[in-house]
Protein backbone atom coordinates (compact mmCIF):
# COMPACT_ATOMS: atom_id res chain seq x y z
CA MET A 1 79.14 103.83 60.31
CA LYS A 2 82.51 102.22 59.23
CA SER A 3 83.84 103.38 62.71
CA LEU A 4 80.94 101.84 64.54
CA SER A 5 81.25 98.95 62.76
CA ILE A 6 84.95 98.52 63.92
CA TYR A 7 83.84 99.26 67.54
CA MET A 8 81.39 96.87 67.95
CA MET A 9 83.75 94.46 66.25
CA MET A 10 86.40 95.25 68.68
CA THR A 11 83.73 95.13 71.65
CA LEU A 12 82.80 91.76 70.97
CA LEU A 13 86.10 90.50 70.38
CA SER A 14 87.01 91.84 73.78
CA ILE A 15 84.07 89.83 75.13
CA SER A 16 84.77 86.87 73.86
CA VAL A 17 88.30 86.85 75.21
CA TYR A 18 86.77 87.65 78.61
CA ALA A 19 84.38 84.68 78.39
CA GLN A 20 86.82 82.37 77.39
CA GLU A 21 87.49 79.69 79.37
CA PHE A 22 91.30 78.93 79.43
CA LYS A 23 92.14 74.91 79.92
CA ILE A 24 95.52 73.22 80.13
CA TYR A 25 94.60 69.38 78.77
CA GLN A 26 96.18 66.55 81.36
CA PHE A 27 98.22 64.14 79.38
CA GLN A 28 97.87 60.71 80.85
CA THR A 29 101.01 59.22 82.29
CA ASP A 30 101.99 57.45 79.43
CA LYS A 31 101.15 59.84 76.88
CA THR A 32 103.19 62.48 77.46
CA PRO A 33 104.38 64.51 74.28
CA VAL A 34 107.52 63.42 72.87
CA ILE A 35 109.43 66.68 72.44
CA ASP A 36 109.99 66.05 68.46
CA GLY A 37 108.35 69.02 66.58
CA ASN A 38 105.90 67.01 64.75
CA GLY A 39 102.53 67.33 67.14
CA ASP A 40 101.33 63.67 66.72
CA ASP A 41 101.18 63.71 70.41
CA TRP A 42 98.75 66.08 70.31
CA LYS A 43 95.84 64.52 68.39
CA SER A 44 94.11 63.19 71.50
CA VAL A 45 93.66 66.99 72.37
CA PRO A 46 89.69 68.40 71.75
CA GLU A 47 89.56 71.37 69.64
CA SER A 48 87.89 73.16 72.11
CA TYR A 49 92.04 73.82 73.67
CA ASN A 50 92.64 75.27 70.56
CA LEU A 51 93.90 79.16 70.91
CA THR A 52 94.03 80.91 68.27
CA GLU A 53 94.81 84.93 66.68
CA ALA A 54 91.19 85.52 66.66
CA LEU A 55 92.08 86.00 71.39
CA LEU A 56 95.00 88.20 70.75
CA THR A 57 95.06 91.81 70.27
CA ASP A 58 98.05 94.14 69.12
CA ASP A 59 99.38 96.42 72.05
CA GLU A 60 100.84 98.72 69.77
CA LYS A 61 97.55 99.54 67.93
CA LYS A 62 98.99 99.20 64.63
CA HIS A 63 96.65 96.51 63.77
CA GLU A 64 92.49 96.78 64.86
CA HIS A 65 92.24 93.04 64.60
CA PRO A 66 94.33 89.82 63.55
CA ASP A 67 94.94 89.09 59.73
CA GLU A 68 95.72 85.65 59.13
CA LYS A 69 97.11 85.92 55.80
CA THR A 70 100.00 87.84 57.75
CA LEU A 71 100.06 85.84 60.65
CA LYS A 72 97.80 82.74 61.93
CA VAL A 73 98.52 80.82 65.06
CA ASN A 74 97.23 78.13 67.03
CA VAL A 75 98.42 77.27 70.50
CA LYS A 76 97.45 74.22 72.64
CA VAL A 77 98.77 73.89 76.07
CA GLY A 78 98.73 70.66 78.37
CA TRP A 79 100.27 69.15 81.57
CA SER A 80 101.24 66.18 83.21
CA VAL A 81 100.45 65.14 86.98
CA SER A 82 103.77 62.93 86.82
CA GLU A 83 106.15 65.26 84.84
CA GLN A 84 105.16 68.38 86.71
CA LYS A 85 105.59 70.30 83.48
CA ILE A 86 103.61 72.47 81.23
CA TYR A 87 103.44 71.46 77.41
CA PHE A 88 103.22 73.53 74.31
CA LEU A 89 102.28 72.92 70.74
CA TYR A 90 102.89 76.13 68.97
CA GLU A 91 101.67 76.02 65.08
CA ALA A 92 102.08 79.58 63.25
CA TYR A 93 102.08 80.69 59.79
CA ASP A 94 103.94 84.11 59.12
CA ASN A 95 104.33 86.16 55.87
CA TYR A 96 107.64 87.01 56.61
CA TRP A 97 110.17 85.11 59.23
CA ARG A 98 112.43 87.27 60.61
CA PHE A 99 115.11 85.15 62.91
CA SER A 100 119.09 85.30 61.09
CA GLU A 101 119.81 88.34 63.22
CA ASN A 102 121.09 87.38 66.78
CA SER A 103 118.79 89.73 68.66
CA LEU A 104 115.42 90.41 69.90
CA ASN A 105 114.40 92.07 66.82
CA THR A 106 113.06 88.54 65.31
CA ASP A 107 109.94 87.03 65.42
CA ILE A 108 109.32 85.88 69.31
CA PHE A 109 106.65 83.64 70.84
CA GLU A 110 107.08 85.25 74.67
CA VAL A 111 105.45 82.81 77.61
CA VAL A 112 105.00 84.04 80.88
CA VAL A 113 104.06 81.58 83.79
CA ASP A 114 103.08 82.01 87.37
CA GLY A 115 102.73 78.50 88.99
CA ASP A 116 101.14 79.04 92.03
CA CYS A 117 99.13 81.78 90.37
CA SER A 118 100.00 84.23 93.40
CA GLY A 119 100.48 87.45 90.85
CA GLY A 120 102.75 90.39 91.46
CA PRO A 121 105.41 91.98 90.17
CA PHE A 122 108.82 89.59 89.08
CA ILE A 123 110.98 91.55 86.99
CA ASP A 124 113.72 94.06 88.21
CA ARG A 125 112.25 97.29 87.00
CA PHE A 126 108.69 96.84 88.99
CA HIS A 127 110.72 96.04 92.18
CA PRO A 128 110.09 98.78 94.82
CA THR A 129 113.35 99.58 95.29
CA ALA A 130 114.95 98.87 91.92
CA SER A 131 117.06 102.03 91.62
CA LYS A 132 118.83 101.70 94.90
CA ASP A 133 119.37 98.01 94.85
CA VAL A 134 119.96 97.08 91.48
CA TRP A 135 121.90 94.07 91.43
CA GLN A 136 119.74 92.51 94.34
CA ALA A 137 116.58 93.21 92.44
CA TRP A 138 118.25 91.71 89.23
CA PHE A 139 119.31 88.26 91.29
CA LYS A 140 117.13 87.81 93.91
CA PHE A 141 113.73 89.34 92.58
CA HIS A 142 113.75 89.22 89.12
CA GLY A 143 112.25 86.03 87.86
CA CYS A 144 111.69 84.46 90.86
CA SER A 145 107.81 84.15 91.73
CA ALA A 146 107.16 84.05 87.93
CA GLN A 147 109.13 83.48 84.76
CA ASN A 148 109.19 84.75 81.34
CA TYR A 149 110.75 82.85 78.22
CA HIS A 150 111.49 84.94 75.07
CA ILE A 151 111.12 82.10 72.55
CA PHE A 152 112.79 82.56 69.25
CA THR A 153 110.82 81.49 65.88
CA PRO A 154 113.06 79.97 64.93
CA PRO A 155 115.46 79.28 66.99
CA HIS A 156 119.22 81.61 66.87
CA GLY A 157 121.44 78.84 65.86
CA GLU A 158 121.45 76.52 68.66
CA ASP A 159 120.05 78.97 71.22
CA TRP A 160 116.25 78.73 71.50
CA CYS A 161 115.06 81.55 73.91
CA MET A 162 116.23 84.01 76.11
CA LEU A 163 115.14 83.19 79.76
CA TRP A 164 114.31 86.69 81.33
CA GLY A 165 116.27 86.69 84.50
CA PRO A 166 119.07 85.25 86.06
CA GLN A 167 117.90 81.65 86.16
CA VAL A 168 119.61 80.27 82.99
CA TRP A 169 119.24 76.69 84.16
CA LEU A 170 115.51 76.86 83.48
CA LYS A 171 115.98 76.96 79.68
CA LYS A 172 117.83 73.39 80.00
CA LYS A 173 116.90 69.67 80.11
CA PRO A 174 115.33 68.62 82.50
CA TYR A 175 113.56 71.90 83.11
CA SER A 176 112.67 72.70 79.64
CA ASP A 177 113.24 70.99 76.37
CA PHE A 178 112.14 72.07 72.87
CA ALA A 179 111.72 70.67 68.81
CA TYR A 180 111.39 73.06 65.80
CA LYS A 181 109.79 72.15 62.51
CA TYR A 182 110.06 74.35 59.58
CA ASP A 183 111.57 74.39 56.10
CA PHE A 184 111.37 78.13 55.33
CA LYS A 185 114.30 80.89 54.89
CA GLU A 186 114.94 84.50 56.43
CA GLY A 187 112.04 86.64 55.08
CA GLY A 188 110.14 83.86 53.53
CA SER A 189 106.78 82.69 54.12
CA GLY A 190 105.57 79.48 55.82
CA LYS A 191 104.28 77.71 58.87
CA LEU A 192 106.38 76.89 62.11
CA ILE A 193 105.98 74.08 64.64
CA LEU A 194 107.29 74.50 68.12
CA GLU A 195 106.86 71.88 70.64
CA PHE A 196 108.59 72.55 74.28
CA TYR A 197 107.89 72.16 77.92
CA ILE A 198 108.77 74.08 80.43
CA THR A 199 108.39 73.67 84.36
CA PRO A 200 107.41 76.79 86.77
CA PHE A 201 108.91 77.49 90.15
CA ASN A 202 107.31 79.31 92.95
CA HIS A 203 110.79 80.57 93.73
CA ALA A 204 113.37 80.00 90.83
CA ASP A 205 116.81 81.09 92.65
CA ALA A 206 119.65 82.46 90.62
CA ASP A 207 122.19 80.28 92.55
CA GLY A 208 120.28 77.03 91.13
CA PRO A 209 117.25 74.38 91.27
CA GLU A 210 118.91 72.98 94.74
CA LYS A 211 117.84 76.67 96.28
CA SER A 212 114.69 76.84 94.30
CA ARG A 213 111.13 75.76 95.12
CA GLN A 214 109.33 74.14 92.39
CA SER A 215 105.38 74.74 91.74
CA ILE A 216 103.16 71.98 92.20
CA LEU A 217 100.79 71.05 89.60
CA LYS A 218 97.57 69.83 90.62
CA GLU A 219 94.36 68.69 89.26
CA GLY A 220 91.63 71.72 89.24
CA ASN A 221 94.08 74.10 90.51
CA GLU A 222 95.02 77.18 88.28
CA ILE A 223 98.17 79.10 87.26
CA GLY A 224 98.74 82.22 85.77
CA LEU A 225 99.96 82.07 81.76
CA SER A 226 99.98 84.23 79.11
CA TRP A 227 101.58 84.81 75.74
CA ALA A 228 102.59 87.69 73.20
CA ILE A 229 104.06 87.21 69.66
CA ILE A 230 106.17 89.63 68.64
CA ASP A 231 106.09 89.53 64.79
CA TRP A 232 108.84 91.49 62.70
CA ASP A 233 108.59 91.85 59.28
CA GLU A 234 111.36 93.81 56.71
CA ASN A 235 111.81 96.53 59.20
CA PRO A 236 114.50 95.71 61.51
CA THR A 237 113.96 99.09 63.84
CA SER A 238 110.18 98.70 64.05
CA LYS A 239 107.67 95.49 64.94
CA ASP A 240 105.08 94.85 62.96
CA GLY A 241 102.94 93.92 65.74
CA PHE A 242 102.80 92.65 69.56
CA TRP A 243 99.95 90.51 69.67
CA ASN A 244 98.91 89.71 73.48
CA LEU A 245 96.94 87.20 75.07
CA SER A 246 96.63 89.50 77.94
CA ASN A 247 94.52 92.50 77.94
CA GLU A 248 97.24 94.52 79.76
CA HIS A 249 100.90 94.91 77.98
CA LYS A 250 102.77 94.86 81.28
CA MET A 251 101.74 90.99 82.05
CA TYR A 252 105.67 90.59 80.55
CA GLY A 253 106.57 91.42 84.43
CA ASN A 254 103.57 91.61 86.75
CA ALA A 255 101.81 88.21 87.12
CA SER A 256 98.80 90.02 88.24
CA PHE A 257 97.92 90.48 84.45
CA LEU A 258 98.09 86.90 83.41
CA ARG A 259 95.06 85.09 82.36
CA LYS A 260 94.29 82.36 84.62
CA PHE A 261 94.27 78.46 83.29
CA LYS A 262 92.73 75.75 84.53
CA LEU A 263 94.49 72.27 85.49
CA MET A 264 92.03 69.80 83.59
CA PRO A 265 91.74 66.47 84.39
CA THR A 266 92.24 63.29 81.99
CA ASN A 267 89.59 62.97 79.76
CA LYS A 268 88.69 59.86 81.33
CA LYS A 269 87.31 62.11 84.06
CA SER A 270 86.26 65.21 82.08
């Protein structure tokens, strides 16, 4: 009976994820968030835009379901037709924050965006001729049609993320900005607030923005978007969980596995 009840619970959770309408709140031109880490600019966003840990599944199958006593998150996503950026408010409670080591074996909020919802693979290892054209796969394919941000939570010194690809200009202003708020130390528990924006590109070129093509964000359109929360605790060699919004682990490198998020109208029209 116990195994049956767990199966039913996981089935219902899966159904709720598929039934979930993923929306991106449109900020009015004069009310786009100030990136300062306090989240006050997001008070106008309805609760229906909240995306919590209840929608996530652990790809590594170490946990049957999320436990908010060890990891509790809430994500809101917004956009601006005037700024053409995607804004995020990430609020997370963790019972053990790991961030002092300058490596990827630390707590990470991994965000993948496909600005025109075109789908398909976009990292070097998924390139059809990667084994023959290693450098071409990296510079001419990886991160071009969709982008992957491994965002450190909290940051590693002054470095806020690993932009997975050669387009390092994407992690700097004016294409992105960030701010954190937290008061815990390594190994401690507590709440983190991360506020940031990114700029999606249909083609992000390794040679810079002048050779790139920015995505056009338009009301009513959909973009590909997903995230994973990579949670590390005391063990420096094995993560505690890989909590994924997508139902496919390889969303990190294939945009076809991202969720579809709709760019909503402003409140005046909705």
